[in-house]
């Protein structure tokens, strides 16, 4: 019996032709071979930094997942269909018609004062009650904010600590600045403080300069894990003692299913935490509007570095976000998202309970977009990607999310943009792939 989903073979061929090299971080073979044509002379002009800039494995898997017939559990996209799109279109048209000379012109490098003030109100809903608009720098999404942080604080060879696993975009950004990214182990309750202390001490004993701890404490991408409330202040205290700045990335913080939000690390630590936020998950990623709440003593350096990259964030997009926050029920929309994502997460977890073979374990997130699967030791999830595509389902191999070299027995599933019945079908297709791998191990 042929169990291959329609369109799956074409997708597998497309993967081998278009995305193998981009998936090298996830353990795939390089698409460059010794018998390839000689490099162009311009290759000699590239900086050493350029060699560290990698394509995103997640992006390439996402593009493959758009092939017909595949169930994609790969892309962590927000479900924009629940937005009032027609009304937003009218709002955007009115901004241009009435304020076009401002909306389409250069703006201030730090962002509009109106939006920076509104961002402080959004952060108040997240639990940060003492933010000053003067210390907010609007960025082109939180990815840009991570880039600026690495540029401002890190010289080549400096260490950035990050929880393992972590966001692949942050890994790619930090490595492009030739920093030494060092993982810190965690468990189902997030970073383990005692292991963080040990990691810092070991690196300092080697003469390493540790600059930042990058963390996604709320519903980590990819694991879905939330840092336990009783560990949060201890993590900041450990870093303060070692003169390490905490880089807290919180794009999913408002998307806790029950609406009872943990206090951000930044809330009680304004001088020791650089806080990153984004409208990508709570409004619209295509607008590319994020922000950094920077400790007051570091704001000017950070702002100047951000301005040197983007000159100014897009004024029209900022004005649209401001209108959305002023004249729409944005908190009601977040409540809609919470209910929708909770339903989908429940459906995914239920399907995993129903279909997954013995020996596979997974996280049970309380918010966000992702579930993290762990296979038995010795199984590499990267080759299973090809088998999954043949079966009609796409995921992201775990090695994409780790600074550690070598294969990974983990993989990420995303539920945010997939209806419950499709999630169930995707897991049903994936389970036999994993079962065969376990039986052959």
Protein backbone atom coordinates (compact mmCIF):
# COMPACT_ATOMS: atom_id res chain seq x y z
CA UNK A 1 0.00 0.00 0.00
CA UNK A 2 1.36 3.43 -0.96
CA UNK A 3 1.03 5.77 2.03
CA UNK A 4 2.79 8.73 0.41
CA UNK A 5 0.67 11.88 0.54
CA UNK A 6 -0.17 13.69 -2.73
CA UNK A 7 2.53 16.19 -3.56
CA UNK A 8 4.97 14.77 -1.03
CA UNK A 9 7.47 13.40 -3.56
CA UNK A 10 7.66 16.74 -5.32
CA UNK A 11 8.25 18.42 -1.99
CA UNK A 12 11.02 15.99 -1.10
CA UNK A 13 12.72 16.68 -4.43
CA UNK A 14 12.36 20.40 -3.81
CA UNK A 15 13.96 19.98 -0.41
CA UNK A 16 16.97 18.18 -1.81
CA UNK A 17 17.46 20.77 -4.53
CA UNK A 18 16.68 24.00 -2.68
CA UNK A 19 17.14 23.61 1.05
CA UNK A 20 19.77 20.99 1.94
CA UNK A 21 22.51 23.56 2.41
CA UNK A 22 20.24 25.85 4.40
CA UNK A 23 19.43 22.93 6.67
CA UNK A 24 23.08 22.26 7.45
CA UNK A 25 22.57 23.57 10.99
CA UNK A 26 19.95 20.88 11.43
CA UNK A 27 22.43 18.17 10.50
CA UNK A 28 21.90 17.99 6.75
CA UNK A 29 24.66 17.34 4.24
CA UNK A 30 26.31 20.32 2.60
CA UNK A 31 25.18 21.16 -0.90
CA UNK A 32 28.75 22.22 -1.75
CA UNK A 33 31.01 19.48 -3.07
CA UNK A 34 34.68 19.34 -3.89
CA UNK A 35 33.97 18.96 -7.62
CA UNK A 36 31.89 22.16 -7.77
CA UNK A 37 33.11 25.01 -9.95
CA UNK A 38 35.93 27.18 -8.62
CA UNK A 39 34.72 30.07 -6.44
CA UNK A 40 34.27 33.50 -7.98
CA UNK A 41 37.18 35.89 -7.27
CA UNK A 42 34.81 38.06 -5.24
CA UNK A 43 34.69 35.28 -2.65
CA UNK A 44 38.12 36.49 -1.54
CA UNK A 45 36.58 39.86 -0.67
CA UNK A 46 34.14 38.44 1.87
CA UNK A 47 34.76 39.13 5.54
CA UNK A 48 35.33 36.32 8.01
CA UNK A 49 32.01 37.38 9.52
CA UNK A 50 30.21 36.54 6.27
CA UNK A 51 31.15 32.88 6.67
CA UNK A 52 29.14 32.81 9.89
CA UNK A 53 25.94 34.08 8.29
CA UNK A 54 23.66 31.12 7.67
CA UNK A 55 20.34 30.70 5.98
CA UNK A 56 17.52 29.89 8.35
CA UNK A 57 16.64 26.21 8.47
CA UNK A 58 13.18 27.15 9.70
CA UNK A 59 12.58 29.49 6.76
CA UNK A 60 13.55 26.86 4.19
CA UNK A 61 11.46 24.15 5.80
CA UNK A 62 8.57 26.62 5.88
CA UNK A 63 8.91 27.24 2.13
CA UNK A 64 8.94 23.51 1.45
CA UNK A 65 5.87 23.09 3.65
CA UNK A 66 3.81 25.20 1.24
CA UNK A 67 3.84 22.32 -1.27
CA UNK A 68 0.35 20.92 -1.87
CA UNK A 69 -0.59 17.79 0.00
CA UNK A 70 1.68 18.38 3.00
CA UNK A 71 0.60 19.03 6.56
CA UNK A 72 2.98 21.63 7.93
CA UNK A 73 3.80 21.46 11.61
CA UNK A 74 6.90 23.54 10.91
CA UNK A 75 6.08 27.25 10.70
CA UNK A 76 5.31 29.22 13.86
CA UNK A 77 2.95 31.70 12.24
CA UNK A 78 0.23 33.65 14.05
CA UNK A 79 -3.33 33.01 12.87
CA UNK A 80 -4.03 36.31 11.11
CA UNK A 81 -7.43 35.19 9.82
CA UNK A 82 -8.95 36.26 13.12
CA UNK A 83 -7.94 39.92 12.56
CA UNK A 84 -10.48 42.49 11.24
CA UNK A 85 -8.66 42.74 7.92
CA UNK A 86 -11.19 44.83 6.01
CA UNK A 87 -11.36 47.43 8.77
CA UNK A 88 -7.55 47.47 9.02
CA UNK A 89 -7.37 48.11 5.28
CA UNK A 90 -9.65 51.11 5.68
CA UNK A 91 -7.52 52.37 8.56
CA UNK A 92 -4.33 52.10 6.51
CA UNK A 93 -5.97 53.94 3.60
CA UNK A 94 -7.15 56.71 5.91
CA UNK A 95 -3.66 57.14 7.37
CA UNK A 96 -2.22 57.69 3.91
CA UNK A 97 -5.09 59.90 2.77
CA UNK A 98 -5.06 62.15 5.83
CA UNK A 99 -1.46 61.92 7.08
CA UNK A 100 0.40 60.71 4.02
CA UNK A 101 3.12 63.34 4.07
CA UNK A 102 4.09 62.19 7.55
CA UNK A 103 3.37 58.48 7.07
CA UNK A 104 5.45 58.17 3.91
CA UNK A 105 8.33 60.39 5.07
CA UNK A 106 11.45 59.66 7.12
CA UNK A 107 10.78 59.60 10.84
CA UNK A 108 12.75 59.72 14.07
CA UNK A 109 15.32 57.00 14.58
CA UNK A 110 13.96 56.01 17.99
CA UNK A 111 10.38 55.68 16.76
CA UNK A 112 7.33 57.87 17.24
CA UNK A 113 6.67 59.16 20.73
CA UNK A 114 3.04 58.05 20.46
CA UNK A 115 3.92 54.44 19.76
CA UNK A 116 6.69 54.34 22.36
CA UNK A 117 4.17 55.54 24.95
CA UNK A 118 1.66 52.92 23.83
CA UNK A 119 4.33 50.23 23.99
CA UNK A 120 4.78 51.09 27.65
CA UNK A 121 1.05 50.37 28.09
CA UNK A 122 1.47 47.02 26.34
CA UNK A 123 4.38 46.19 28.65
CA UNK A 124 2.23 47.19 31.63
CA UNK A 125 -0.20 44.46 30.53
CA UNK A 126 2.78 42.10 30.51
CA UNK A 127 3.75 43.10 34.06
CA UNK A 128 6.32 45.89 33.54
CA UNK A 129 4.84 48.89 35.30
CA UNK A 130 7.74 51.34 35.39
CA UNK A 131 8.81 51.63 31.73
CA UNK A 132 9.74 55.08 30.43
CA UNK A 133 9.05 55.83 26.73
CA UNK A 134 12.43 57.57 26.62
CA UNK A 135 14.11 54.19 27.11
CA UNK A 136 12.11 52.45 24.37
CA UNK A 137 13.76 52.00 20.95
CA UNK A 138 11.47 50.79 18.16
CA UNK A 139 13.12 48.19 15.94
CA UNK A 140 12.39 46.18 12.80
CA UNK A 141 11.01 43.28 14.82
CA UNK A 142 12.81 41.71 17.75
CA UNK A 143 15.27 40.06 15.34
CA UNK A 144 16.71 43.51 14.63
CA UNK A 145 16.82 44.22 18.35
CA UNK A 146 18.90 41.06 18.91
CA UNK A 147 21.26 42.13 16.14
CA UNK A 148 21.79 45.55 17.69
CA UNK A 149 22.45 44.02 21.11
CA UNK A 150 25.15 41.72 19.71
CA UNK A 151 26.75 44.60 17.83
CA UNK A 152 26.75 46.97 20.81
CA UNK A 153 27.99 44.56 23.46
CA UNK A 154 30.08 41.87 21.80
CA UNK A 155 33.53 41.75 20.28
CA UNK A 156 34.61 38.63 18.34
CA UNK A 157 35.25 35.81 20.78
CA UNK A 158 33.01 37.18 23.54
CA UNK A 159 30.50 34.74 25.00
CA UNK A 160 26.72 34.90 24.79
CA UNK A 161 25.01 32.35 27.01
CA UNK A 162 21.68 31.00 25.83
CA UNK A 163 19.25 28.40 26.95
CA UNK A 164 19.39 25.13 25.06
CA UNK A 165 17.36 24.86 22.86
CA UNK A 166 16.84 28.41 21.65
CA UNK A 167 15.50 30.52 18.80
CA UNK A 168 17.32 29.75 15.55
CA UNK A 169 17.20 33.39 14.43
CA UNK A 170 19.08 34.48 17.53
CA UNK A 171 21.71 31.79 16.95
CA UNK A 172 22.24 32.97 13.40
CA UNK A 173 22.39 36.62 14.46
CA UNK A 174 24.89 36.09 17.26
CA UNK A 175 27.15 33.80 15.25
CA UNK A 176 27.31 36.40 12.48
CA UNK A 177 29.10 38.68 14.96
CA UNK A 178 31.70 35.97 15.60
CA UNK A 179 30.72 35.50 19.20
CA UNK A 180 31.08 32.28 21.16
CA UNK A 181 27.55 31.05 21.79
CA UNK A 182 27.45 28.73 24.79
CA UNK A 183 24.38 26.69 25.75
CA UNK A 184 23.03 26.45 29.29
CA UNK A 185 21.00 23.38 30.15
CA UNK A 186 17.41 23.55 31.32
CA UNK A 187 14.53 21.26 32.11
CA UNK A 188 10.74 21.45 31.96
CA UNK A 189 10.92 24.51 34.25
CA UNK A 190 13.47 26.44 32.20
CA UNK A 191 17.10 27.33 32.84
CA UNK A 192 18.50 25.51 35.88
CA UNK A 193 20.14 28.15 38.13
CA UNK A 194 22.80 25.84 39.56
CA UNK A 195 23.91 24.83 36.06
CA UNK A 196 24.01 28.48 35.00
CA UNK A 197 26.38 29.21 37.91
CA UNK A 198 28.57 26.26 36.96
CA UNK A 199 28.65 27.30 33.31
CA UNK A 200 29.66 30.86 34.15
CA UNK A 201 32.38 29.71 36.55
CA UNK A 202 33.80 27.25 34.01
CA UNK A 203 33.90 29.84 31.23
CA UNK A 204 35.47 32.46 33.50
CA UNK A 205 38.11 29.93 34.54
CA UNK A 206 39.00 29.63 30.85
CA UNK A 207 39.45 33.40 30.65
CA UNK A 208 36.29 33.94 28.61
CA UNK A 209 34.45 37.28 28.62
CA UNK A 210 30.73 36.65 29.05
CA UNK A 211 28.57 39.56 27.92
CA UNK A 212 24.95 38.43 27.63
CA UNK A 213 22.46 35.77 28.66
CA UNK A 214 19.81 35.47 25.94
CA UNK A 215 16.58 33.89 27.13
CA UNK A 216 12.96 33.46 26.04
CA UNK A 217 11.45 32.83 29.48
CA UNK A 218 7.84 32.57 28.33
CA UNK A 219 7.03 29.65 26.02
CA UNK A 220 10.50 29.28 24.59
CA UNK A 221 10.86 28.84 20.87
CA UNK A 222 11.23 25.90 20.20
CA UNK A 223 10.49 24.05 23.43
CA UNK A 224 7.34 25.83 24.64
CA UNK A 225 8.80 25.77 28.17
CA UNK A 226 8.08 28.60 30.64
CA UNK A 227 10.76 29.62 33.12
CA UNK A 228 9.45 28.84 36.60
CA UNK A 229 8.55 31.92 38.69
CA UNK A 230 10.76 30.76 41.58
CA UNK A 231 13.81 30.68 39.29
CA UNK A 232 13.38 34.06 37.65
CA UNK A 233 14.96 36.40 40.15
CA UNK A 234 17.73 33.93 40.90
CA UNK A 235 18.69 33.86 37.21
CA UNK A 236 18.98 37.66 37.15
CA UNK A 237 20.90 37.72 40.44
CA UNK A 238 23.43 35.18 39.14
CA UNK A 239 24.01 37.27 36.03
CA UNK A 240 24.27 40.51 38.00
CA UNK A 241 26.94 39.02 40.25
CA UNK A 242 28.96 38.06 37.15
CA UNK A 243 28.32 41.41 35.37
CA UNK A 244 26.32 39.73 32.61
CA UNK A 245 23.43 41.61 31.00
CA UNK A 246 20.22 39.61 30.58
CA UNK A 247 18.64 39.85 27.13
CA UNK A 248 15.00 38.90 27.72
CA UNK A 249 13.01 38.16 24.56
CA UNK A 250 9.27 37.99 25.22
CA UNK A 251 7.26 37.75 21.97
CA UNK A 252 4.82 35.18 23.39
CA UNK A 253 4.35 36.54 26.91
CA UNK A 254 0.78 37.75 26.45
CA UNK A 255 -0.25 34.44 24.88
CA UNK A 256 -0.49 32.40 28.07
CA UNK A 257 -3.64 30.38 27.61
CA UNK A 258 -5.18 31.16 31.01
CA UNK A 259 -4.21 34.85 30.92
CA UNK A 260 -2.40 34.65 34.27
CA UNK A 261 0.98 36.04 33.30
CA UNK A 262 4.30 35.45 35.06
CA UNK A 263 6.27 38.56 35.92
CA UNK A 264 8.93 39.38 33.31
CA UNK A 265 12.56 39.35 34.42
CA UNK A 266 12.70 43.05 33.55
CA UNK A 267 9.86 44.01 35.92
CA UNK A 268 11.97 44.16 39.09
CA UNK A 269 15.36 44.57 37.40
CA UNK A 270 15.39 47.71 35.23
CA UNK A 271 19.19 48.09 35.28
CA UNK A 272 20.09 44.47 34.61
CA UNK A 273 17.69 43.35 31.87
CA UNK A 274 17.40 44.54 28.27
CA UNK A 275 13.84 43.61 27.31
CA UNK A 276 12.71 42.78 23.77
CA UNK A 277 9.11 42.82 22.61
CA UNK A 278 7.31 42.44 19.31
CA UNK A 279 3.96 42.96 17.62
CA UNK A 280 4.65 39.98 15.36
CA UNK A 281 2.79 37.44 17.51
CA UNK A 282 0.13 39.72 19.02
CA UNK A 283 -0.74 41.72 15.89
CA UNK A 284 1.00 41.27 12.53
CA UNK A 285 4.54 40.05 11.73
CA UNK A 286 4.54 41.63 8.28
CA UNK A 287 4.64 45.11 9.81
CA UNK A 288 8.09 44.33 11.28
CA UNK A 289 7.60 46.44 14.41
CA UNK A 290 9.30 45.39 17.61
CA UNK A 291 11.02 47.21 20.44
CA UNK A 292 13.75 47.19 23.01
CA UNK A 293 13.29 48.56 26.51
CA UNK A 294 16.87 49.44 27.33
CA UNK A 295 18.37 50.20 30.77
CA UNK A 296 18.58 53.99 30.98
CA UNK A 297 22.37 54.03 31.26
CA UNK A 298 22.69 52.03 28.02
CA UNK A 299 19.89 53.56 25.95
CA UNK A 300 21.88 56.12 23.98
CA UNK A 301 24.51 53.63 22.79
CA UNK A 302 21.82 51.15 21.85
CA UNK A 303 19.70 53.75 20.06
CA UNK A 304 22.62 55.06 17.99
CA UNK A 305 23.53 51.53 16.91
CA UNK A 306 19.93 50.84 15.92
CA UNK A 307 19.68 54.07 13.96
CA UNK A 308 22.89 53.20 12.10
CA UNK A 309 21.19 50.06 10.75
CA UNK A 310 17.66 51.15 9.87
CA UNK A 311 17.95 54.98 10.03
CA UNK A 312 14.34 55.01 11.17
CA UNK A 313 11.61 52.41 11.66
CA UNK A 314 8.83 52.63 9.03
CA UNK A 315 6.53 55.52 9.92
CA UNK A 316 3.44 54.18 8.14
CA UNK A 317 3.70 50.86 9.95
CA UNK A 318 4.16 52.60 13.29
CA UNK A 319 1.10 54.77 12.67
CA UNK A 320 -0.97 51.71 11.77
CA UNK A 321 0.10 49.97 14.98
CA UNK A 322 -0.75 53.11 16.95
CA UNK A 323 -4.22 53.24 15.39
CA UNK A 324 -4.71 49.58 16.21
CA UNK A 325 -3.76 50.11 19.84
CA UNK A 326 -5.89 53.27 20.13
CA UNK A 327 -9.07 52.33 18.27
CA UNK A 328 -9.30 48.54 18.24
CA UNK A 329 -9.92 46.08 21.06
CA UNK A 330 -6.37 44.75 20.95
CA UNK A 331 -6.65 43.10 24.33
CA UNK A 332 -9.85 41.39 23.19
CA UNK A 333 -7.95 40.16 20.13
CA UNK A 334 -5.28 38.70 22.42
CA UNK A 335 -8.01 36.93 24.39
CA UNK A 336 -9.24 35.49 21.08
CA UNK A 337 -5.72 34.32 20.28
CA UNK A 338 -5.36 32.70 23.69
CA UNK A 339 -8.53 30.67 23.26
CA UNK A 340 -7.68 29.72 19.67
CA UNK A 341 -4.12 28.65 20.44
CA UNK A 342 -5.19 26.79 23.57
CA UNK A 343 -7.67 24.79 21.48
CA UNK A 344 -5.00 23.95 18.92
CA UNK A 345 -2.41 23.05 21.53
CA UNK A 346 -4.92 20.75 23.20
CA UNK A 347 -5.65 19.12 19.85
CA UNK A 348 -1.95 18.57 19.15
CA UNK A 349 -1.27 17.14 22.60
CA UNK A 350 -4.31 14.88 22.28
CA UNK A 351 -3.09 13.56 18.95
CA UNK A 352 0.37 12.94 20.36
CA UNK A 353 -1.18 11.01 23.25
CA UNK A 354 -3.21 8.97 20.77
CA UNK A 355 -0.67 8.17 18.06
CA UNK A 356 2.91 8.54 19.29
CA UNK A 357 4.90 5.33 19.88
CA UNK A 358 6.50 4.39 23.17
CA UNK A 359 9.77 6.18 23.85
CA UNK A 360 8.71 9.60 22.55
CA UNK A 361 8.20 12.41 25.07
CA UNK A 362 7.00 15.98 24.62
CA UNK A 363 6.48 19.24 26.45
CA UNK A 364 3.02 20.47 27.48
CA UNK A 365 3.14 24.24 27.03
CA UNK A 366 0.89 26.70 28.83
CA UNK A 367 1.07 29.23 26.01
CA UNK A 368 2.89 30.19 22.84
CA UNK A 369 3.10 28.24 19.57
CA UNK A 370 5.28 25.14 20.00
CA UNK A 371 5.61 21.60 21.34
CA UNK A 372 9.07 19.98 21.62
CA UNK A 373 9.47 16.24 21.06
CA UNK A 374 12.30 14.09 22.40
CA UNK A 375 13.08 10.76 20.75
CA UNK A 376 15.19 7.99 22.27
CA UNK A 377 18.93 8.64 22.48
CA UNK A 378 20.86 7.85 19.33
CA UNK A 379 18.10 8.80 16.87
CA UNK A 380 18.92 11.74 14.60
CA UNK A 381 15.78 13.70 13.72
CA UNK A 382 17.27 15.26 10.58
CA UNK A 383 17.03 12.19 8.27
CA UNK A 384 13.46 11.73 9.51
CA UNK A 385 12.55 15.07 7.93
CA UNK A 386 12.82 13.50 4.46
CA UNK A 387 10.80 10.49 5.56
CA UNK A 388 8.20 12.80 7.07
CA UNK A 389 7.85 14.69 3.79
CA UNK A 390 7.34 11.38 1.98
CA UNK A 391 4.58 10.65 4.50
CA UNK A 392 3.04 14.08 3.95
CA UNK A 393 4.09 15.98 7.07
CA UNK A 394 6.77 18.59 7.80
CA UNK A 395 8.50 19.48 11.10
CA UNK A 396 11.75 21.21 12.06
CA UNK A 397 14.68 19.04 13.23
CA UNK A 398 15.98 19.89 16.67
CA UNK A 399 19.60 20.58 15.74
CA UNK A 400 18.49 23.84 14.14
CA UNK A 401 17.83 25.23 17.62
CA UNK A 402 21.07 24.33 19.36
CA UNK A 403 24.52 25.85 19.54
CA UNK A 404 25.90 22.37 20.15
CA UNK A 405 27.45 20.53 17.22
CA UNK A 406 26.20 17.20 16.00
CA UNK A 407 22.85 15.45 15.56
CA UNK A 408 19.82 15.92 17.75
CA UNK A 409 17.09 13.54 18.89
CA UNK A 410 14.64 16.44 19.20
CA UNK A 411 12.14 18.06 16.86
CA UNK A 412 9.73 21.01 16.95
CA UNK A 413 6.03 20.97 16.10
CA UNK A 414 4.07 24.21 15.67
CA UNK A 415 0.33 24.35 16.27
CA UNK A 416 -0.52 28.06 15.97
CA UNK A 417 -1.59 28.23 12.31
CA UNK A 418 -3.05 24.72 11.91
CA UNK A 419 -6.71 23.73 12.52
CA UNK A 420 -7.30 20.98 15.11
CA UNK A 421 -8.36 18.32 12.61
CA UNK A 422 -5.28 18.99 10.46
CA UNK A 423 -3.02 18.80 13.51
CA UNK A 424 -4.43 15.36 14.24
CA UNK A 425 -3.82 14.24 10.65
CA UNK A 426 -0.25 15.57 10.75
CA UNK A 427 0.58 13.64 13.92
CA UNK A 428 -1.08 10.54 12.47
CA UNK A 429 1.27 10.78 9.48
CA UNK A 430 4.34 11.50 11.62
CA UNK A 431 3.87 8.71 14.18
CA UNK A 432 4.76 5.78 11.87
CA UNK A 433 7.93 7.60 10.74
CA UNK A 434 9.08 7.88 14.33
CA UNK A 435 7.99 4.36 15.18
CA UNK A 436 10.12 2.94 12.34
CA UNK A 437 13.13 4.96 13.50
CA UNK A 438 12.73 3.69 17.06
CA UNK A 439 12.34 0.10 15.94
CA UNK A 440 15.49 0.35 13.80
CA UNK A 441 17.62 1.99 16.50
